[in-house]
Amino acid sequence: MTTYLQSLTLPTAVFQNSATSVLLPIVLGTAVGYSTRPDQTKKTYKAMKQPPLHPPAYVFGPVWTLLYGVMGYAAHRVAAAGLSPLASPATVATTKHTLTVYTIQLGLNLVWMPLFFGARRPVEATVDLVALLGLNGWLAYAWSSVDETAAWLQLPYLGWLSFATYLSAGAGHLNGWDLSDSSLAARAEKKRE
């Protein structure tokens, strides 16, 4: 189990208000999406060699919006149940630990797009996704002792993270782990020949 670190954890008030808990990840995810220049991101996505089963670019925005909302709602449920005055001290401690991990995983989640599309670092972006899978697997496990529904709400997120890891690693591998403009342009030129 991890330690509750107040300085690394979103304020409890965020989690205890359902609207704030749901909307905060959506707003942050949207802000990161727009800050990474959506037109350039789409251009890069189309220029890369992609693994089989890759979805069209327009799928990602709605899927992530839904997943951010569900993860925020799950965190709210855990906070409501685990920080209740009726909760045992052990449950309160577990809940606080998990909210620290939730905050860290949210930060890692928000870093992926700038890593992959901004810095063009597919190795680091894939490592980020693997870490997210581990953290969220642990969250689902830990949340099951606080609020079983919240744990089940993690499953779509875990499924999508698994798929995203496949896409990130697959695109990285197929593009020689080099997503620089010159490398993508050279591959596009070869394709035209």
Protein backbone atom coordinates (compact mmCIF):
# COMPACT_ATOMS: atom_id res chain seq x y z
CA MET A 1 0.00 0.00 0.00
CA THR A 2 1.11 3.54 -0.64
CA THR A 3 1.20 6.44 1.76
CA TYR A 4 -1.31 9.25 1.87
CA LEU A 5 0.56 12.35 0.75
CA GLN A 6 -1.66 15.37 1.11
CA SER A 7 0.65 17.47 -1.08
CA LEU A 8 0.23 14.97 -3.95
CA THR A 9 -3.50 14.47 -3.50
CA LEU A 10 -6.32 16.56 -4.88
CA PRO A 11 -8.26 18.25 -2.09
CA THR A 12 -10.88 16.05 -0.44
CA ALA A 13 -13.55 18.62 -1.34
CA VAL A 14 -12.96 17.82 -5.04
CA PHE A 15 -13.82 14.17 -4.49
CA GLN A 16 -16.75 14.79 -2.17
CA ASN A 17 -18.57 16.96 -4.71
CA SER A 18 -19.82 14.67 -7.48
CA ALA A 19 -19.90 17.35 -10.19
CA THR A 20 -16.39 18.56 -9.40
CA SER A 21 -15.03 15.04 -9.18
CA VAL A 22 -16.52 14.15 -12.58
CA LEU A 23 -15.81 17.42 -14.37
CA LEU A 24 -12.24 18.04 -13.17
CA PRO A 25 -10.65 15.17 -15.13
CA ILE A 26 -12.78 16.04 -18.18
CA VAL A 27 -11.72 19.70 -18.09
CA LEU A 28 -8.05 18.84 -17.49
CA GLY A 29 -8.07 16.21 -20.25
CA THR A 30 -9.73 18.62 -22.67
CA ALA A 31 -7.24 21.36 -21.80
CA VAL A 32 -4.30 19.02 -22.41
CA GLY A 33 -5.87 17.84 -25.68
CA TYR A 34 -6.20 21.38 -26.97
CA SER A 35 -2.79 22.46 -25.68
CA THR A 36 -1.10 19.81 -27.82
CA ARG A 37 -2.40 21.46 -31.00
CA PRO A 38 -5.17 19.14 -32.23
CA ASP A 39 -4.49 19.82 -35.92
CA GLN A 40 -0.82 18.90 -35.54
CA THR A 41 -1.76 15.83 -33.47
CA LYS A 42 -4.15 14.59 -36.18
CA LYS A 43 -1.49 15.21 -38.83
CA THR A 44 1.08 13.23 -36.85
CA TYR A 45 -1.43 10.43 -36.16
CA LYS A 46 -2.17 10.10 -39.89
CA ALA A 47 1.53 10.19 -40.82
CA MET A 48 2.55 7.36 -38.47
CA LYS A 49 2.52 3.70 -39.35
CA GLN A 50 -0.24 2.24 -37.19
CA PRO A 51 -0.78 -1.22 -35.74
CA PRO A 52 -3.84 -3.21 -36.84
CA LEU A 53 -7.15 -2.24 -35.20
CA HIS A 54 -6.17 1.41 -34.73
CA PRO A 55 -9.28 3.59 -34.56
CA PRO A 56 -9.80 6.79 -36.53
CA ALA A 57 -8.56 9.93 -34.77
CA TYR A 58 -12.07 11.24 -34.07
CA VAL A 59 -12.77 8.32 -31.69
CA PHE A 60 -10.27 9.38 -29.03
CA GLY A 61 -11.93 12.61 -27.85
CA PRO A 62 -15.35 11.11 -27.02
CA VAL A 63 -13.85 7.95 -25.52
CA TRP A 64 -11.50 9.87 -23.23
CA THR A 65 -14.26 12.30 -22.23
CA LEU A 66 -16.43 9.38 -21.16
CA LEU A 67 -13.57 7.61 -19.36
CA TYR A 68 -12.51 10.78 -17.52
CA GLY A 69 -16.09 11.24 -16.33
CA VAL A 70 -16.39 7.62 -15.19
CA MET A 71 -13.05 7.71 -13.36
CA GLY A 72 -14.07 10.94 -11.63
CA TYR A 73 -17.40 9.41 -10.60
CA ALA A 74 -15.63 6.30 -9.26
CA ALA A 75 -13.29 8.50 -7.20
CA HIS A 76 -16.32 10.40 -5.87
CA ARG A 77 -18.01 7.15 -4.82
CA VAL A 78 -14.88 6.00 -3.01
CA ALA A 79 -14.50 9.33 -1.20
CA ALA A 80 -18.18 9.41 -0.24
CA ALA A 81 -18.08 5.90 1.20
CA GLY A 82 -14.53 5.80 2.54
CA LEU A 83 -14.38 9.24 4.14
CA SER A 84 -17.84 9.00 5.68
CA PRO A 85 -18.06 9.64 9.44
CA LEU A 86 -19.37 6.06 9.67
CA ALA A 87 -16.31 4.55 7.97
CA SER A 88 -13.79 2.65 10.08
CA PRO A 89 -10.33 4.20 10.61
CA ALA A 90 -8.84 1.48 8.38
CA THR A 91 -11.29 2.33 5.58
CA VAL A 92 -10.53 6.05 5.91
CA ALA A 93 -6.79 5.31 5.71
CA THR A 94 -7.24 3.06 2.67
CA THR A 95 -9.41 5.68 0.99
CA LYS A 96 -6.85 8.42 1.56
CA HIS A 97 -4.08 6.20 0.19
CA THR A 98 -6.12 5.43 -2.91
CA LEU A 99 -6.95 9.09 -3.51
CA THR A 100 -3.21 9.83 -3.56
CA VAL A 101 -2.71 7.08 -6.15
CA TYR A 102 -5.73 8.33 -8.10
CA THR A 103 -4.24 11.84 -8.23
CA ILE A 104 -0.86 10.48 -9.37
CA GLN A 105 -2.45 8.34 -12.07
CA LEU A 106 -4.48 11.32 -13.28
CA GLY A 107 -1.24 13.28 -13.62
CA LEU A 108 0.40 10.42 -15.50
CA ASN A 109 -2.65 10.16 -17.73
CA LEU A 110 -2.53 13.86 -18.57
CA VAL A 111 1.19 13.65 -19.39
CA TRP A 112 0.77 10.91 -22.04
CA MET A 113 -0.45 13.09 -24.91
CA PRO A 114 2.28 15.75 -24.56
CA LEU A 115 4.85 12.94 -24.29
CA PHE A 116 3.67 11.07 -27.37
CA PHE A 117 2.48 13.87 -29.67
CA GLY A 118 4.26 16.92 -28.24
CA ALA A 119 7.72 15.60 -27.38
CA ARG A 120 7.37 12.65 -29.80
CA ARG A 121 8.75 10.25 -27.19
CA PRO A 122 6.92 6.94 -27.80
CA VAL A 123 9.14 4.91 -25.44
CA GLU A 124 8.43 7.20 -22.50
CA ALA A 125 4.74 7.44 -23.44
CA THR A 126 4.45 3.65 -23.51
CA VAL A 127 6.20 3.36 -20.13
CA ASP A 128 3.71 5.95 -18.85
CA LEU A 129 0.81 3.75 -20.03
CA VAL A 130 2.28 0.64 -18.42
CA ALA A 131 2.58 2.56 -15.14
CA LEU A 132 -1.04 3.69 -15.54
CA LEU A 133 -2.16 0.11 -16.03
CA GLY A 134 -0.40 -0.97 -12.84
CA LEU A 135 -1.71 1.93 -10.77
CA ASN A 136 -5.27 1.52 -11.99
CA GLY A 137 -5.22 -2.23 -11.51
CA TRP A 138 -4.20 -1.58 -7.91
CA LEU A 139 -6.89 1.10 -7.56
CA ALA A 140 -9.57 -1.31 -8.75
CA TYR A 141 -8.36 -3.85 -6.21
CA ALA A 142 -8.12 -1.35 -3.34
CA TRP A 143 -11.40 0.35 -4.19
CA SER A 144 -13.22 -3.00 -4.08
CA SER A 145 -12.85 -2.96 -0.29
CA VAL A 146 -14.32 0.55 -0.05
CA ASP A 147 -16.97 0.68 -2.80
CA GLU A 148 -17.40 -2.31 -5.10
CA THR A 149 -19.16 -0.26 -7.80
CA ALA A 150 -16.19 2.12 -7.99
CA ALA A 151 -13.90 -0.85 -8.53
CA TRP A 152 -16.09 -2.14 -11.37
CA LEU A 153 -16.16 1.35 -12.90
CA GLN A 154 -12.39 1.02 -13.37
CA LEU A 155 -12.80 -1.87 -15.83
CA PRO A 156 -13.58 0.21 -18.96
CA TYR A 157 -10.63 2.46 -18.13
CA LEU A 158 -8.34 -0.56 -17.66
CA GLY A 159 -9.57 -2.01 -20.94
CA TRP A 160 -8.92 1.22 -22.82
CA LEU A 161 -5.51 1.66 -21.16
CA SER A 162 -4.60 -1.85 -22.33
CA PHE A 163 -5.68 -0.96 -25.88
CA ALA A 164 -3.83 2.39 -25.68
CA THR A 165 -0.68 0.57 -24.55
CA TYR A 166 -0.97 -1.73 -27.57
CA LEU A 167 -1.45 1.28 -29.88
CA SER A 168 1.41 3.27 -28.34
CA ALA A 169 3.87 0.37 -28.36
CA GLY A 170 2.71 -0.74 -31.80
CA ALA A 171 3.06 2.72 -33.35
CA GLY A 172 6.40 3.21 -31.64
CA HIS A 173 7.72 -0.11 -32.90
CA LEU A 174 6.38 0.30 -36.44
CA ASN A 175 7.94 3.77 -36.65
CA GLY A 176 11.32 2.70 -35.28
CA TRP A 177 10.58 4.55 -32.01
CA ASP A 178 11.24 7.78 -33.94
CA LEU A 179 8.30 10.12 -34.47
CA SER A 180 10.30 13.18 -35.50
CA ASP A 181 8.95 15.25 -38.39
CA SER A 182 11.90 14.28 -40.57
CA SER A 183 11.44 10.58 -39.87
CA LEU A 184 7.69 10.69 -40.54
CA ALA A 185 8.26 12.73 -43.73
CA ALA A 186 10.89 10.24 -44.95
CA ARG A 187 8.49 7.33 -44.37
CA ALA A 188 5.71 9.21 -46.18
CA GLU A 189 8.07 9.88 -49.11
CA LYS A 190 9.01 6.17 -49.29
CA LYS A 191 5.35 5.27 -49.29
CA ARG A 192 4.70 7.55 -52.29
CA GLU A 193 7.52 5.96 -54.31
